[in-house]
Protein backbone atom coordinates (compact mmCIF):
# COMPACT_ATOMS: atom_id res chain seq x y z
CA MET A 1 0.00 0.00 0.00
CA THR A 2 1.19 3.72 -0.25
CA GLU A 3 1.01 5.61 3.01
CA SER A 4 -2.70 4.76 3.01
CA CYS A 5 -2.90 0.94 0.62
CA SER A 6 -1.37 -2.49 1.54
CA PHE A 7 1.94 -3.22 -0.25
CA GLY A 8 2.11 -0.37 -2.68
CA MET A 9 1.08 2.27 -5.17
CA ARG A 10 -2.58 1.34 -5.50
CA CYS A 11 -4.75 4.24 -4.46
CA ALA A 12 -4.31 6.94 -7.09
CA ALA A 13 -6.94 5.55 -9.46
CA TRP A 14 -9.71 5.51 -6.90
CA VAL A 15 -9.32 8.57 -4.68
CA GLY A 16 -13.07 9.12 -5.02
CA TRP A 17 -13.74 6.14 -2.78
CA VAL A 18 -12.23 7.93 0.22
CA ALA A 19 -15.38 9.95 0.82
CA LEU A 20 -17.40 6.75 1.10
CA MET A 21 -15.24 4.39 3.18
CA VAL A 22 -11.85 3.84 4.74
CA VAL A 23 -9.18 3.17 2.13
CA VAL A 24 -5.87 1.63 3.15
CA SER A 25 -2.51 1.54 1.38
CA ARG A 26 1.14 0.90 1.99
CA PRO A 27 4.48 1.69 0.35
CA GLY A 28 6.38 -0.61 -1.92
CA ALA A 29 3.72 -2.12 -4.15
CA ALA A 30 4.35 -2.64 -7.83
CA THR A 31 2.46 -0.65 -10.39
CA ALA A 32 0.64 -2.57 -13.11
CA GLN A 33 3.46 -1.87 -15.54
CA ALA A 34 5.98 -3.53 -13.19
CA ILE A 35 4.32 -6.94 -13.53
CA GLU A 36 6.02 -9.40 -15.85
CA TRP A 37 3.24 -9.43 -18.40
CA ASP A 38 4.55 -12.19 -20.64
CA ALA A 39 5.84 -14.68 -18.08
CA PRO A 40 6.50 -17.68 -20.34
CA ALA A 41 6.30 -20.33 -17.59
CA PRO A 42 3.15 -21.13 -15.63
CA PHE A 43 2.96 -19.70 -12.14
CA GLU A 44 3.52 -22.48 -9.62
CA PRO A 45 2.23 -21.52 -6.16
CA ARG A 46 3.23 -23.43 -3.07
CA ALA A 47 0.64 -25.74 -1.52
CA TYR A 48 -0.04 -27.10 1.97
CA VAL A 49 -2.42 -29.73 3.32
CA VAL A 50 -4.33 -28.51 6.39
CA TYR A 51 -5.16 -31.40 8.72
CA ARG A 52 -7.78 -31.46 11.43
CA THR A 53 -6.61 -30.65 14.91
CA PRO A 54 -6.35 -33.85 16.98
CA ALA A 55 -6.83 -31.94 20.25
CA ALA A 56 -8.05 -28.60 21.54
CA VAL A 57 -5.91 -25.56 20.75
CA ALA A 58 -5.35 -23.04 23.53
CA VAL A 59 -4.44 -19.76 21.85
CA ASP A 60 -1.62 -18.39 24.01
CA GLY A 61 1.08 -17.77 21.42
CA GLN A 62 3.44 -20.47 22.72
CA LEU A 63 2.68 -23.36 20.33
CA HIS A 64 3.09 -25.97 23.08
CA ASP A 65 -0.29 -27.68 22.51
CA ALA A 66 -0.10 -31.33 21.57
CA ALA A 67 -2.13 -30.53 18.45
CA TRP A 68 0.68 -28.44 16.98
CA GLN A 69 3.28 -31.16 17.45
CA HIS A 70 1.70 -33.23 14.67
CA ALA A 71 1.05 -30.40 12.19
CA PRO A 72 3.73 -30.04 9.48
CA TRP A 73 5.69 -26.82 9.09
CA THR A 74 5.39 -24.88 5.88
CA ALA A 75 8.50 -24.42 3.80
CA PRO A 76 10.52 -21.45 5.11
CA PHE A 77 9.44 -18.08 3.76
CA VAL A 78 11.35 -16.63 0.81
CA ASP A 79 11.78 -13.22 -0.77
CA ALA A 80 8.46 -11.96 -2.18
CA ARG A 81 10.05 -11.77 -5.63
CA GLY A 82 10.90 -15.48 -5.69
CA SER A 83 13.08 -18.25 -4.31
CA ASP A 84 15.79 -17.35 -6.85
CA ARG A 85 16.47 -14.20 -4.81
CA PRO A 86 18.89 -14.28 -1.85
CA PRO A 87 17.24 -16.11 1.07
CA PRO A 88 15.89 -14.05 3.99
CA ARG A 89 18.42 -13.48 6.74
CA LEU A 90 15.91 -14.68 9.36
CA ARG A 91 13.78 -17.83 9.27
CA THR A 92 9.99 -17.67 9.19
CA ARG A 93 7.72 -20.70 9.04
CA ALA A 94 4.14 -21.59 9.94
CA LYS A 95 1.65 -24.38 10.64
CA LEU A 96 -2.10 -24.67 9.99
CA LEU A 97 -4.88 -26.78 11.52
CA TRP A 98 -8.67 -26.73 11.36
CA ASP A 99 -11.78 -28.06 13.09
CA ASP A 100 -15.49 -27.34 12.88
CA GLU A 101 -15.06 -23.98 14.61
CA ALA A 102 -12.00 -22.28 13.18
CA LEU A 103 -8.86 -22.18 11.10
CA TYR A 104 -5.76 -22.15 13.30
CA VAL A 105 -2.51 -20.49 12.26
CA ALA A 106 0.80 -20.73 14.12
CA ALA A 107 3.96 -18.92 13.07
CA GLU A 108 7.55 -18.84 14.28
CA LEU A 109 9.59 -15.72 13.47
CA GLU A 110 13.30 -15.74 14.19
CA GLU A 111 14.31 -12.27 15.39
CA PRO A 112 17.26 -11.02 17.46
CA ASP A 113 15.63 -7.60 18.03
CA VAL A 114 11.91 -7.90 18.76
CA TRP A 115 10.20 -4.52 18.66
CA ALA A 116 6.78 -3.02 17.96
CA THR A 117 5.12 0.38 18.34
CA PHE A 118 1.43 0.27 17.40
CA THR A 119 -1.03 -0.44 20.22
CA GLU A 120 -4.35 0.60 18.66
CA ARG A 121 -6.37 -1.82 16.54
CA GLU A 122 -6.63 -0.97 12.81
CA SER A 123 -3.31 0.88 12.89
CA PRO A 124 -1.00 0.39 9.85
CA ILE A 125 0.67 -2.66 11.42
CA TYR A 126 2.83 -3.31 8.34
CA ARG A 127 4.89 -0.26 9.34
CA ASP A 128 6.11 -2.35 12.30
CA ASN A 129 7.66 -5.76 11.89
CA ALA A 130 4.52 -7.79 11.23
CA PHE A 131 3.08 -11.20 10.45
CA GLU A 132 0.28 -11.24 7.87
CA VAL A 133 -2.38 -13.66 6.60
CA PHE A 134 -4.25 -13.39 3.28
CA ILE A 135 -7.23 -15.62 2.44
CA ASP A 136 -9.26 -15.77 -0.79
CA PRO A 137 -11.66 -18.65 -0.10
CA ASP A 138 -13.18 -19.06 -3.57
CA GLY A 139 -10.08 -18.00 -5.51
CA ASP A 140 -11.87 -15.44 -7.68
CA THR A 141 -9.49 -12.61 -6.52
CA HIS A 142 -12.41 -10.60 -5.09
CA ASN A 143 -13.71 -10.45 -1.51
CA TYR A 144 -10.61 -11.68 0.27
CA TYR A 145 -9.28 -11.14 3.77
CA GLU A 146 -6.13 -9.51 5.13
CA PHE A 147 -4.94 -9.88 8.73
CA GLU A 148 -1.85 -8.35 10.36
CA ILE A 149 -0.36 -8.59 13.86
CA ASN A 150 2.75 -7.15 15.53
CA ALA A 151 4.70 -8.28 18.58
CA LEU A 152 2.46 -6.19 20.85
CA GLU A 153 -0.52 -8.34 19.77
CA THR A 154 -2.03 -5.33 18.00
CA VAL A 155 -4.11 -6.45 15.01
CA TRP A 156 -5.44 -5.00 11.80
CA ASP A 157 -8.03 -6.95 9.84
CA LEU A 158 -9.75 -5.83 6.67
CA LEU A 159 -11.87 -7.09 3.81
CA MET A 160 -10.74 -6.37 0.27
CA ILE A 161 -13.64 -6.05 -2.17
CA LYS A 162 -11.17 -6.10 -5.08
CA PRO A 163 -7.40 -5.75 -5.35
CA TYR A 164 -6.24 -2.14 -5.33
CA ARG A 165 -5.19 -2.40 -8.99
CA ASP A 166 -8.85 -3.11 -9.88
CA GLY A 167 -10.31 -0.27 -7.84
CA GLY A 168 -10.40 -1.73 -4.32
CA PRO A 169 -11.69 -0.71 -1.89
CA ALA A 170 -10.37 -1.90 1.48
CA LEU A 171 -12.95 -2.10 4.28
CA SER A 172 -10.85 -1.47 7.36
CA ALA A 173 -13.96 -1.26 9.56
CA TRP A 174 -14.62 -4.96 8.90
CA ASP A 175 -13.55 -7.16 11.82
CA ILE A 176 -12.98 -10.88 12.38
CA ARG A 177 -15.55 -11.26 15.14
CA GLY A 178 -14.55 -13.99 17.57
CA LEU A 179 -10.88 -13.77 16.60
CA GLU A 180 -8.38 -15.21 19.06
CA ALA A 181 -4.84 -13.91 18.65
CA ALA A 182 -1.78 -14.21 20.88
CA VAL A 183 1.96 -13.50 20.67
CA HIS A 184 4.80 -14.89 22.75
CA VAL A 185 8.17 -13.11 22.73
CA SER A 186 11.28 -15.19 23.41
CA GLY A 187 13.34 -12.33 24.76
CA THR A 188 12.48 -8.79 25.80
CA LEU A 189 10.27 -6.55 23.71
CA ASN A 190 11.65 -3.15 22.69
CA ASP A 191 14.94 -3.64 24.55
CA PRO A 192 18.00 -3.21 22.27
CA THR A 193 20.45 -4.05 25.07
CA ASP A 194 20.03 -7.81 24.64
CA THR A 195 19.63 -10.40 21.89
CA ASP A 196 16.23 -12.08 21.48
CA ASP A 197 15.36 -15.43 19.93
CA GLY A 198 12.19 -14.28 18.18
CA TRP A 199 8.43 -14.29 18.54
CA THR A 200 5.63 -16.73 17.87
CA VAL A 201 2.07 -16.04 16.76
CA GLU A 202 -1.04 -18.14 17.30
CA LEU A 203 -4.42 -17.38 15.73
CA ALA A 204 -7.91 -18.88 15.69
CA LEU A 205 -9.94 -17.48 12.76
CA PRO A 206 -13.61 -18.54 13.14
CA TRP A 207 -15.52 -19.96 10.19
CA THR A 208 -18.51 -17.82 11.12
CA ILE A 209 -16.53 -14.93 9.59
CA LEU A 210 -14.35 -16.66 6.99
CA GLU A 211 -17.39 -18.32 5.41
CA GLU A 212 -18.70 -14.90 4.31
CA ALA A 213 -16.58 -14.98 1.13
CA ALA A 214 -16.37 -18.78 0.85
CA PRO A 215 -18.07 -20.89 -1.85
CA ASN A 216 -21.77 -21.20 -1.00
CA GLY A 217 -21.14 -19.14 2.15
CA GLU A 218 -19.98 -22.24 4.03
CA PRO A 219 -16.85 -23.46 5.85
CA PRO A 220 -14.60 -25.71 3.77
CA SER A 221 -15.36 -29.38 3.34
CA ALA A 222 -12.81 -32.16 3.03
CA GLY A 223 -10.81 -31.72 -0.16
CA ALA A 224 -11.65 -28.01 -0.56
CA ARG A 225 -8.84 -25.80 -1.88
CA TRP A 226 -8.57 -22.15 -0.86
CA ARG A 227 -6.10 -19.51 -2.08
CA PHE A 228 -3.96 -18.46 0.86
CA ASN A 229 -0.72 -16.74 1.70
CA LEU A 230 1.40 -15.73 4.65
CA ALA A 231 3.78 -12.79 4.77
CA ARG A 232 6.30 -11.11 7.02
CA ALA A 233 7.24 -7.43 6.96
CA GLN A 234 10.75 -6.93 8.33
CA TRP A 235 12.30 -3.46 8.71
CA PRO A 236 16.09 -3.20 9.03
CA THR A 237 16.87 -1.20 12.18
CA THR A 238 19.69 0.44 14.07
CA VAL A 239 19.84 1.75 17.65
CA VAL A 240 19.78 5.49 18.31
CA ASP A 241 19.74 6.88 21.86
CA GLY A 242 18.82 3.47 23.24
CA ARG A 243 15.85 2.96 20.90
CA TYR A 244 15.27 1.05 17.70
CA GLN A 245 15.15 3.20 14.57
CA LYS A 246 14.49 2.10 10.99
CA LYS A 247 17.52 2.26 8.73
CA PRO A 248 17.24 4.39 5.58
CA ASP A 249 17.58 2.53 2.30
CA PRO A 250 20.87 3.55 0.60
CA ALA A 251 19.14 4.00 -2.76
CA THR A 252 16.29 6.24 -1.60
CA GLY A 253 17.25 7.57 1.81
CA GLU A 254 13.92 6.33 3.17
CA PRO A 255 13.30 3.20 5.28
CA ARG A 256 12.27 0.15 3.26
CA ALA A 257 10.91 -3.14 4.57
CA ASP A 258 11.90 -6.58 3.40
CA TRP A 259 8.90 -8.71 2.42
CA TRP A 260 9.16 -12.46 2.97
CA LEU A 261 6.37 -14.78 1.84
CA TRP A 262 5.42 -18.41 2.20
CA SER A 263 4.41 -18.58 -1.50
CA PRO A 264 6.34 -15.95 -3.50
CA HIS A 265 4.56 -13.70 -5.98
CA GLY A 266 7.42 -12.69 -8.24
CA VAL A 267 6.59 -9.08 -7.35
CA VAL A 268 6.49 -7.10 -4.09
CA ASP A 269 2.72 -6.73 -3.88
CA MET A 270 0.55 -8.83 -1.57
CA HIS A 271 -2.56 -7.76 -3.44
CA GLN A 272 -2.03 -10.14 -6.35
CA PRO A 273 -4.43 -12.83 -5.03
CA GLU A 274 -4.10 -14.94 -8.19
CA ARG A 275 -0.51 -15.51 -7.04
CA TYR A 276 -1.37 -16.77 -3.55
CA GLY A 277 -0.49 -20.28 -2.47
CA ILE A 278 -3.04 -23.08 -2.04
CA VAL A 279 -4.28 -24.81 1.10
CA GLN A 280 -6.18 -28.07 0.82
CA PHE A 281 -8.34 -29.21 3.74
CA ALA A 282 -7.99 -32.84 4.85
CA ASP A 283 -10.61 -34.62 6.97
CA VAL A 284 -8.08 -36.60 9.00
CA PRO A 285 -6.31 -35.56 12.23
CA ALA A 286 -2.75 -34.26 11.94
CA GLY A 287 -0.30 -37.09 12.51
CA SER A 288 -2.77 -39.90 11.79
CA ALA A 289 -2.31 -40.10 8.01
CA SER A 290 -1.05 -38.08 5.08
CA GLU A 291 -3.17 -36.85 2.20
CA PRO A 292 -1.76 -36.09 -1.26
CA LEU A 293 -2.34 -32.75 -2.89
CA GLN A 294 -4.95 -32.89 -5.64
CA ASP A 295 -4.46 -31.34 -9.06
CA ASP A 296 -6.75 -28.59 -10.30
CA PRO A 297 -7.28 -29.25 -14.02
CA ASN A 298 -8.47 -25.69 -14.64
CA ALA A 299 -5.49 -23.99 -12.99
CA PRO A 300 -3.50 -23.73 -16.28
CA VAL A 301 -6.53 -22.22 -18.02
CA ARG A 302 -7.00 -19.64 -15.29
CA TRP A 303 -3.34 -18.66 -15.49
CA ALA A 304 -3.49 -18.35 -19.29
CA LEU A 305 -6.53 -16.07 -18.95
CA ARG A 306 -4.72 -14.10 -16.26
CA ARG A 307 -1.87 -13.45 -18.68
CA LEU A 308 -4.41 -12.01 -21.12
CA TYR A 309 -5.78 -9.86 -18.31
CA TYR A 310 -2.25 -8.55 -17.65
CA ARG A 311 -1.89 -7.72 -21.35
CA GLN A 312 -5.24 -5.94 -21.35
CA GLN A 313 -4.06 -3.86 -18.39
CA GLN A 314 -0.91 -2.94 -20.29
CA TYR A 315 -2.87 -2.22 -23.49
CA HIS A 316 -5.26 0.05 -21.58
CA ALA A 317 -2.36 1.93 -19.97
CA VAL A 318 -0.99 2.72 -23.45
CA HIS A 319 -4.19 3.26 -25.47
CA GLY A 320 -6.74 4.40 -22.87
CA ARG A 321 -9.07 1.52 -23.76
CA TYR A 322 -9.10 -2.26 -23.78
CA ALA A 323 -8.18 -4.26 -26.85
CA SER A 324 -11.19 -5.47 -28.84
CA SER A 325 -9.40 -8.40 -30.45
CA LEU A 326 -7.26 -11.26 -29.20
CA ALA A 327 -4.80 -10.56 -31.99
CA ALA A 328 -4.04 -7.17 -30.42
CA LEU A 329 -3.02 -9.08 -27.28
CA ASP A 330 -0.88 -11.62 -29.15
CA ALA A 331 -3.05 -14.31 -27.60
CA SER A 332 -1.86 -16.96 -30.02
CA ASP A 333 1.52 -17.19 -28.28
CA ILE A 334 -0.11 -18.33 -25.00
CA THR A 335 -0.39 -22.11 -25.05
CA LEU A 336 -1.14 -24.95 -22.65
CA ASP A 337 0.78 -28.21 -22.33
CA GLY A 338 -1.09 -31.09 -23.89
CA ARG A 339 -4.36 -29.26 -24.55
CA ALA A 340 -5.78 -26.46 -26.64
CA PHE A 341 -6.23 -22.94 -25.34
CA GLU A 342 -9.12 -21.39 -27.26
CA PRO A 343 -10.12 -18.06 -25.69
CA THR A 344 -13.01 -15.87 -26.77
CA LEU A 345 -13.06 -12.12 -26.14
CA ARG A 346 -16.22 -10.05 -25.78
CA THR A 347 -15.99 -6.30 -25.28
CA THR A 348 -18.06 -3.18 -24.82
CA GLN A 349 -16.74 0.39 -24.91
CA SER A 350 -15.31 0.09 -21.39
CA LEU A 351 -15.60 -3.56 -20.29
CA TYR A 352 -14.54 -7.01 -21.44
CA GLU A 353 -14.83 -10.70 -20.61
CA ILE A 354 -12.56 -13.48 -21.88
CA THR A 355 -13.68 -17.10 -21.71
CA ALA A 356 -11.96 -20.39 -22.50
CA PRO A 357 -13.04 -24.05 -22.36
CA GLY A 358 -12.04 -25.77 -19.13
CA ALA A 359 -12.01 -29.36 -17.91
CA ALA A 360 -15.07 -31.63 -17.99
CA GLY A 361 -17.13 -29.23 -20.12
CA SER A 362 -16.65 -26.23 -17.84
CA THR A 363 -15.95 -22.67 -18.96
CA VAL A 364 -13.36 -20.46 -17.26
CA ARG A 365 -14.01 -16.72 -17.32
CA ILE A 366 -12.11 -13.54 -16.50
CA ARG A 367 -13.30 -9.96 -16.82
CA HIS A 368 -11.96 -6.41 -16.86
CA ASP A 369 -11.83 -6.07 -13.04
CA GLY A 370 -9.77 -9.24 -12.69
CA LYS A 371 -12.46 -11.52 -11.31
CA VAL A 372 -12.00 -15.10 -12.47
CA TRP A 373 -14.48 -17.93 -12.08
CA THR A 374 -15.63 -21.21 -13.58
CA SER A 375 -19.08 -21.99 -14.94
CA PRO A 376 -20.22 -25.62 -14.84
């Protein structure tokens, strides 16, 4: 977000929304033009199987419950731009569990200098070192959730109607009612005279809220796949007059956070929900059995349509309108392995929708505001 949108320069196109609702943004996001429009390889998000909790979870931030001992760790977080970048200097990893009441998230953040400043809910937590959760239950890139917490247990939760690039807005007044959140610091908070081990986060996110944007307005069933990501904002600091102070970036003279993600996006912008990872819900207790990840036969079609969406965004930035033909988007050079990609474009003066045949007689659709969905 810019100083008012999460992860970047996303607010300029929709200043008019400010009079109607709270709009949030943060520095460091990529503009549309910064996206790699013609990525030749398919995007390959990370995936994780979420098992049922075998015992009750007491949310105290310490991760000592027996339930957590059987849940697998995620792969360590990597640079937001991809695992080919230098690895983060500090380890971050997480675990997930679920039951009929909630989705549980645990995270372990290695940190020799644990600090935080914000104490009021709905503050811009990303301007502290922060742990973040992003959930798009139905994977259509609209109506998804953002949650942030710092080492003082201060939280910020919001509902994104659309990504900022597609006009937002962010509803910061929306709350996860029934949320349980706790932090445990292994060391001393805001004390630069010693070396800390880090901090751990434990969350219980109730289905009564998460189901609002879920398919059919219901909690997940066994085998369901949701788009999901985890992030860490980490600000390099120094000590001035006995207090932590953010270091200025040598290139700009302004402080700049590092962004480390479980499933990298290839770009420093958390509001690219089509690039989130995948969680698959298993109906067996953690530690009792393992469940393989299932393939999504329409995932390659969705990504091919997303590439056309990116090209439409670029075309609009240059020409002030969307392309009215697939030839203008060089659609013929987008192919799928082992199957045909046969998109159809329909346009009006200011809108468009692109469709393509999917698996088992389905149709995959994407439109001008980035929403993607499948028709039976």
